[in-house]
């Protein structure tokens, strides 16, 4: 009986140690590709204006929504540490607050006044962006079972904008007025940088080949590049993301 109990104890201890070893150092780690689809929630920061003896903050843009789609390549390094480069294409839209683009709104109201109309109703005030994100994440996964893992990761993200256009629509006297243009080359409002650097922090889980996670991209560089001798404008754009995906491993 003692031998049987000792054998059971030895087998139990071996299984426990083996399971613990897999959690922190899975011997089956291999590189793999994965696809990712993401719900984006842009969270623009306030514009900070400093210069000429005046400093103030104003939130010209409201929170928005969007999506992105792309892929990753997970590369094991040592134990359960990994490097994960990726690329995705995104579309985001954000609302414009009335105080943010006063000149544009004034132009539409003036045009309505010139036509003899009174009162303008703005029906659309938004910024729409297409672009590409190139993240390089450094992460670690805890493999609790062969099918279930927890991932934590962080790293830089290169954000390259393709387009960033404003769309403003208004109605007055039965007519519709529109104003559109690019924020990359619109001198009237300064020019937004096409290329910015963000920092991503996230966590996710995998079950078999399926992935689900949440992350946040924090803007590190100034996305607004107008600067004069008397005034400096600073603006950072953050993004919250909910992702799902499939890994080919």
Protein backbone atom coordinates (compact mmCIF):
# COMPACT_ATOMS: atom_id res chain seq x y z
CA UNK A 1 0.00 0.00 0.00
CA UNK A 2 2.86 2.39 0.86
CA UNK A 3 4.43 1.80 -2.56
CA UNK A 4 1.14 2.49 -4.28
CA UNK A 5 0.64 5.74 -2.34
CA UNK A 6 4.21 6.84 -3.06
CA UNK A 7 3.72 6.07 -6.76
CA UNK A 8 0.50 8.08 -6.87
CA UNK A 9 2.20 10.98 -5.06
CA UNK A 10 5.16 10.87 -7.45
CA UNK A 11 2.90 10.86 -10.52
CA UNK A 12 0.81 13.71 -9.11
CA UNK A 13 3.92 15.77 -8.35
CA UNK A 14 5.31 15.14 -11.84
CA UNK A 15 2.02 16.16 -13.46
CA UNK A 16 1.89 19.33 -11.33
CA UNK A 17 5.48 20.30 -12.14
CA UNK A 18 4.91 19.55 -15.81
CA UNK A 19 1.77 21.70 -15.86
CA UNK A 20 3.57 24.53 -14.06
CA UNK A 21 6.43 24.30 -16.54
CA UNK A 22 4.03 24.60 -19.48
CA UNK A 23 2.42 27.72 -18.02
CA UNK A 24 5.72 29.61 -18.04
CA UNK A 25 7.81 27.71 -20.59
CA UNK A 26 5.75 25.78 -23.13
CA UNK A 27 8.05 23.43 -25.11
CA UNK A 28 5.56 23.44 -28.02
CA UNK A 29 5.98 27.15 -28.81
CA UNK A 30 6.16 27.76 -32.57
CA UNK A 31 5.91 30.79 -34.82
CA UNK A 32 2.52 31.38 -36.45
CA UNK A 33 0.46 33.81 -38.52
CA UNK A 34 -2.82 35.28 -37.35
CA UNK A 35 -5.67 37.43 -38.66
CA UNK A 36 -7.17 40.26 -36.60
CA UNK A 37 -10.37 42.27 -36.86
CA UNK A 38 -10.77 45.21 -34.50
CA UNK A 39 -13.43 47.62 -33.31
CA UNK A 40 -11.73 51.00 -32.86
CA UNK A 41 -12.86 53.73 -30.48
CA UNK A 42 -10.78 56.88 -31.16
CA UNK A 43 -10.34 58.98 -28.01
CA UNK A 44 -8.84 62.32 -29.09
CA UNK A 45 -7.08 64.40 -26.47
CA UNK A 46 -7.61 68.09 -25.99
CA UNK A 47 -5.76 70.58 -28.16
CA UNK A 48 -3.22 72.45 -26.05
CA UNK A 49 -2.35 75.96 -27.23
CA UNK A 50 0.66 77.64 -25.67
CA UNK A 51 2.29 80.94 -26.61
CA UNK A 52 1.90 84.68 -26.72
CA UNK A 53 1.43 84.76 -22.97
CA UNK A 54 -1.67 82.57 -23.24
CA UNK A 55 -2.09 78.87 -22.54
CA UNK A 56 -5.35 76.96 -22.75
CA UNK A 57 -6.88 73.59 -23.64
CA UNK A 58 -9.92 72.85 -25.78
CA UNK A 59 -11.52 69.63 -26.96
CA UNK A 60 -12.36 70.24 -30.62
CA UNK A 61 -12.99 66.59 -31.52
CA UNK A 62 -15.36 64.11 -29.93
CA UNK A 63 -14.94 60.36 -29.42
CA UNK A 64 -15.58 58.28 -32.50
CA UNK A 65 -15.78 54.77 -33.90
CA UNK A 66 -14.13 52.72 -36.59
CA UNK A 67 -12.64 49.39 -37.51
CA UNK A 68 -9.41 47.81 -38.67
CA UNK A 69 -8.35 44.55 -40.28
CA UNK A 70 -4.92 43.00 -40.61
CA UNK A 71 -2.53 40.29 -39.56
CA UNK A 72 0.26 39.42 -37.11
CA UNK A 73 3.24 37.09 -37.02
CA UNK A 74 4.06 35.66 -33.59
CA UNK A 75 7.75 34.79 -33.07
CA UNK A 76 8.80 32.87 -29.90
CA UNK A 77 11.99 34.22 -28.29
CA UNK A 78 12.70 32.44 -25.01
CA UNK A 79 10.41 30.59 -22.59
CA UNK A 80 6.96 32.10 -23.31
CA UNK A 81 8.28 35.51 -24.36
CA UNK A 82 7.57 36.53 -27.94
CA UNK A 83 7.84 39.34 -30.50
CA UNK A 84 4.77 40.04 -32.62
CA UNK A 85 5.02 42.40 -35.62
CA UNK A 86 1.87 43.14 -37.55
CA UNK A 87 0.10 45.41 -40.00
CA UNK A 88 -3.50 46.57 -40.33
CA UNK A 89 -5.59 49.01 -42.36
CA UNK A 90 -8.07 51.15 -40.43
CA UNK A 91 -11.01 53.50 -40.91
CA UNK A 92 -11.98 55.88 -38.10
CA UNK A 93 -14.55 58.67 -37.79
CA UNK A 94 -14.78 61.39 -35.12
CA UNK A 95 -17.25 64.18 -34.45
CA UNK A 96 -16.29 67.85 -34.77
CA UNK A 97 -17.38 70.18 -32.02
CA UNK A 98 -18.72 73.58 -33.10
CA UNK A 99 -15.87 75.49 -31.48
CA UNK A 100 -13.21 73.54 -33.34
CA UNK A 101 -13.72 74.77 -36.90
CA UNK A 102 -15.35 78.15 -36.45
CA UNK A 103 -14.30 79.48 -39.85
CA UNK A 104 -15.94 76.63 -41.71
CA UNK A 105 -19.19 76.97 -39.84
CA UNK A 106 -19.11 80.75 -40.35
CA UNK A 107 -18.61 80.27 -44.09
CA UNK A 108 -21.66 78.04 -44.36
CA UNK A 109 -23.76 80.46 -42.29
CA UNK A 110 -22.56 83.40 -44.43
CA UNK A 111 -23.46 81.52 -47.61
CA UNK A 112 -26.95 80.91 -46.26
CA UNK A 113 -27.28 84.58 -45.27
CA UNK A 114 -26.19 85.69 -48.76
CA UNK A 115 -29.04 83.63 -50.20
CA UNK A 116 -31.49 85.27 -47.82
CA UNK A 117 -31.94 82.31 -45.49
CA UNK A 118 -32.08 82.55 -41.75
CA UNK A 119 -31.01 79.76 -39.43
CA UNK A 120 -28.68 76.93 -40.31
CA UNK A 121 -29.05 73.35 -39.10
CA UNK A 122 -25.81 71.33 -39.17
CA UNK A 123 -26.59 67.69 -40.03
CA UNK A 124 -23.08 66.23 -40.22
CA UNK A 125 -19.82 67.34 -38.61
CA UNK A 126 -17.16 64.66 -38.80
CA UNK A 127 -13.57 63.76 -39.59
CA UNK A 128 -12.99 60.51 -41.50
CA UNK A 129 -9.61 58.83 -41.57
CA UNK A 130 -8.09 55.96 -43.55
CA UNK A 131 -4.66 54.71 -42.60
CA UNK A 132 -2.30 51.90 -41.70
CA UNK A 133 -0.88 50.78 -38.35
CA UNK A 134 2.36 48.83 -38.04
CA UNK A 135 2.77 47.51 -34.46
CA UNK A 136 5.72 45.62 -33.00
CA UNK A 137 4.58 44.08 -29.71
CA UNK A 138 6.69 42.41 -27.04
CA UNK A 139 4.64 39.94 -25.05
CA UNK A 140 4.37 36.96 -22.77
CA UNK A 141 1.75 34.20 -22.70
CA UNK A 142 0.66 32.02 -19.79
CA UNK A 143 -0.39 28.61 -21.14
CA UNK A 144 -2.77 27.26 -18.49
CA UNK A 145 -3.84 24.35 -20.70
CA UNK A 146 -3.01 23.15 -24.20
CA UNK A 147 -6.00 25.12 -25.49
CA UNK A 148 -6.21 28.18 -23.23
CA UNK A 149 -3.62 30.97 -22.86
CA UNK A 150 -3.46 34.50 -21.46
CA UNK A 151 -1.38 37.08 -23.36
CA UNK A 152 -0.02 40.43 -22.15
CA UNK A 153 1.86 42.66 -24.57
CA UNK A 154 3.16 46.15 -25.21
CA UNK A 155 5.15 47.98 -27.86
CA UNK A 156 5.39 50.82 -30.39
CA UNK A 157 2.93 51.39 -33.24
CA UNK A 158 3.76 53.34 -36.40
CA UNK A 159 0.58 55.09 -37.56
CA UNK A 160 0.59 56.16 -41.24
CA UNK A 161 -2.37 58.20 -42.45
CA UNK A 162 -3.68 57.82 -46.00
CA UNK A 163 -6.48 60.40 -45.77
CA UNK A 164 -7.93 62.60 -43.02
CA UNK A 165 -10.87 64.62 -44.35
CA UNK A 166 -13.48 66.81 -42.71
CA UNK A 167 -17.12 66.61 -43.80
CA UNK A 168 -19.61 69.28 -42.80
CA UNK A 169 -23.21 69.41 -44.02
CA UNK A 170 -25.94 71.89 -43.15
CA UNK A 171 -29.48 72.72 -44.26
CA UNK A 172 -31.14 76.10 -44.56
CA UNK A 173 -34.14 77.26 -46.55
CA UNK A 174 -34.54 73.86 -48.18
CA UNK A 175 -30.97 73.88 -49.50
CA UNK A 176 -28.05 71.73 -48.43
CA UNK A 177 -24.61 73.26 -47.90
CA UNK A 178 -21.41 71.20 -47.81
CA UNK A 179 -17.78 71.78 -46.89
CA UNK A 180 -15.07 69.15 -47.33
CA UNK A 181 -11.28 69.12 -47.40
CA UNK A 182 -8.11 67.43 -46.22
CA UNK A 183 -6.58 68.10 -42.82
CA UNK A 184 -3.17 67.13 -44.18
CA UNK A 185 -2.83 70.14 -46.46
CA UNK A 186 -5.46 72.58 -45.20
CA UNK A 187 -3.48 75.70 -44.31
CA UNK A 188 -6.49 77.25 -42.70
CA UNK A 189 -6.39 74.87 -39.77
CA UNK A 190 -2.79 73.94 -39.75
CA UNK A 191 -1.69 70.61 -41.07
CA UNK A 192 -1.98 67.23 -39.39
CA UNK A 193 0.98 64.86 -39.50
CA UNK A 194 0.53 61.81 -41.69
CA UNK A 195 3.02 59.74 -39.68
CA UNK A 196 2.77 59.42 -35.90
CA UNK A 197 4.14 57.12 -33.23
CA UNK A 198 1.88 55.45 -30.65
CA UNK A 199 2.48 53.01 -27.80
CA UNK A 200 0.21 49.98 -27.40
CA UNK A 201 -0.65 48.18 -24.15
CA UNK A 202 -2.95 45.17 -24.30
CA UNK A 203 -4.06 41.78 -23.08
CA UNK A 204 -5.93 38.91 -24.66
CA UNK A 205 -6.80 35.25 -24.47
CA UNK A 206 -6.53 32.41 -26.94
CA UNK A 207 -8.74 29.35 -26.97
CA UNK A 208 -7.49 26.78 -29.44
CA UNK A 209 -6.98 28.88 -32.59
CA UNK A 210 -9.26 31.77 -31.61
CA UNK A 211 -8.10 35.09 -30.12
CA UNK A 212 -9.94 37.87 -28.26
CA UNK A 213 -8.42 40.89 -26.59
CA UNK A 214 -8.44 44.56 -25.66
CA UNK A 215 -5.73 47.17 -26.10
CA UNK A 216 -5.08 50.88 -26.06
CA UNK A 217 -2.85 52.96 -28.33
CA UNK A 218 -1.45 56.07 -26.63
CA UNK A 219 -0.31 58.87 -28.93
CA UNK A 220 3.34 59.76 -28.27
CA UNK A 221 3.98 62.33 -30.99
CA UNK A 222 2.23 65.58 -31.77
CA UNK A 223 -0.34 64.86 -34.50
CA UNK A 224 -0.74 68.58 -35.29
CA UNK A 225 2.23 70.31 -36.85
CA UNK A 226 1.32 73.98 -37.06
CA UNK A 227 3.84 75.96 -35.06
CA UNK A 228 4.71 79.65 -35.21
CA UNK A 229 7.01 81.92 -33.24
CA UNK A 230 4.13 82.99 -31.04
CA UNK A 231 2.04 79.85 -30.68
CA UNK A 232 2.49 76.10 -30.37
CA UNK A 233 -0.43 73.68 -30.73
CA UNK A 234 -0.19 70.15 -29.35
CA UNK A 235 -2.65 67.34 -30.06
CA UNK A 236 -2.46 63.60 -29.39
CA UNK A 237 -4.90 60.94 -30.53
CA UNK A 238 -5.50 57.76 -28.55
CA UNK A 239 -7.43 54.65 -29.62
CA UNK A 240 -9.15 51.93 -27.57
CA UNK A 241 -9.52 48.61 -29.39
CA UNK A 242 -11.47 45.38 -29.02
CA UNK A 243 -10.01 42.62 -31.19
CA UNK A 244 -10.96 39.14 -32.36
CA UNK A 245 -8.89 36.88 -34.53
CA UNK A 246 -7.79 33.46 -35.71
CA UNK A 247 -4.30 31.97 -35.41
CA UNK A 248 -2.94 29.49 -37.95
CA UNK A 249 -0.93 27.32 -35.57
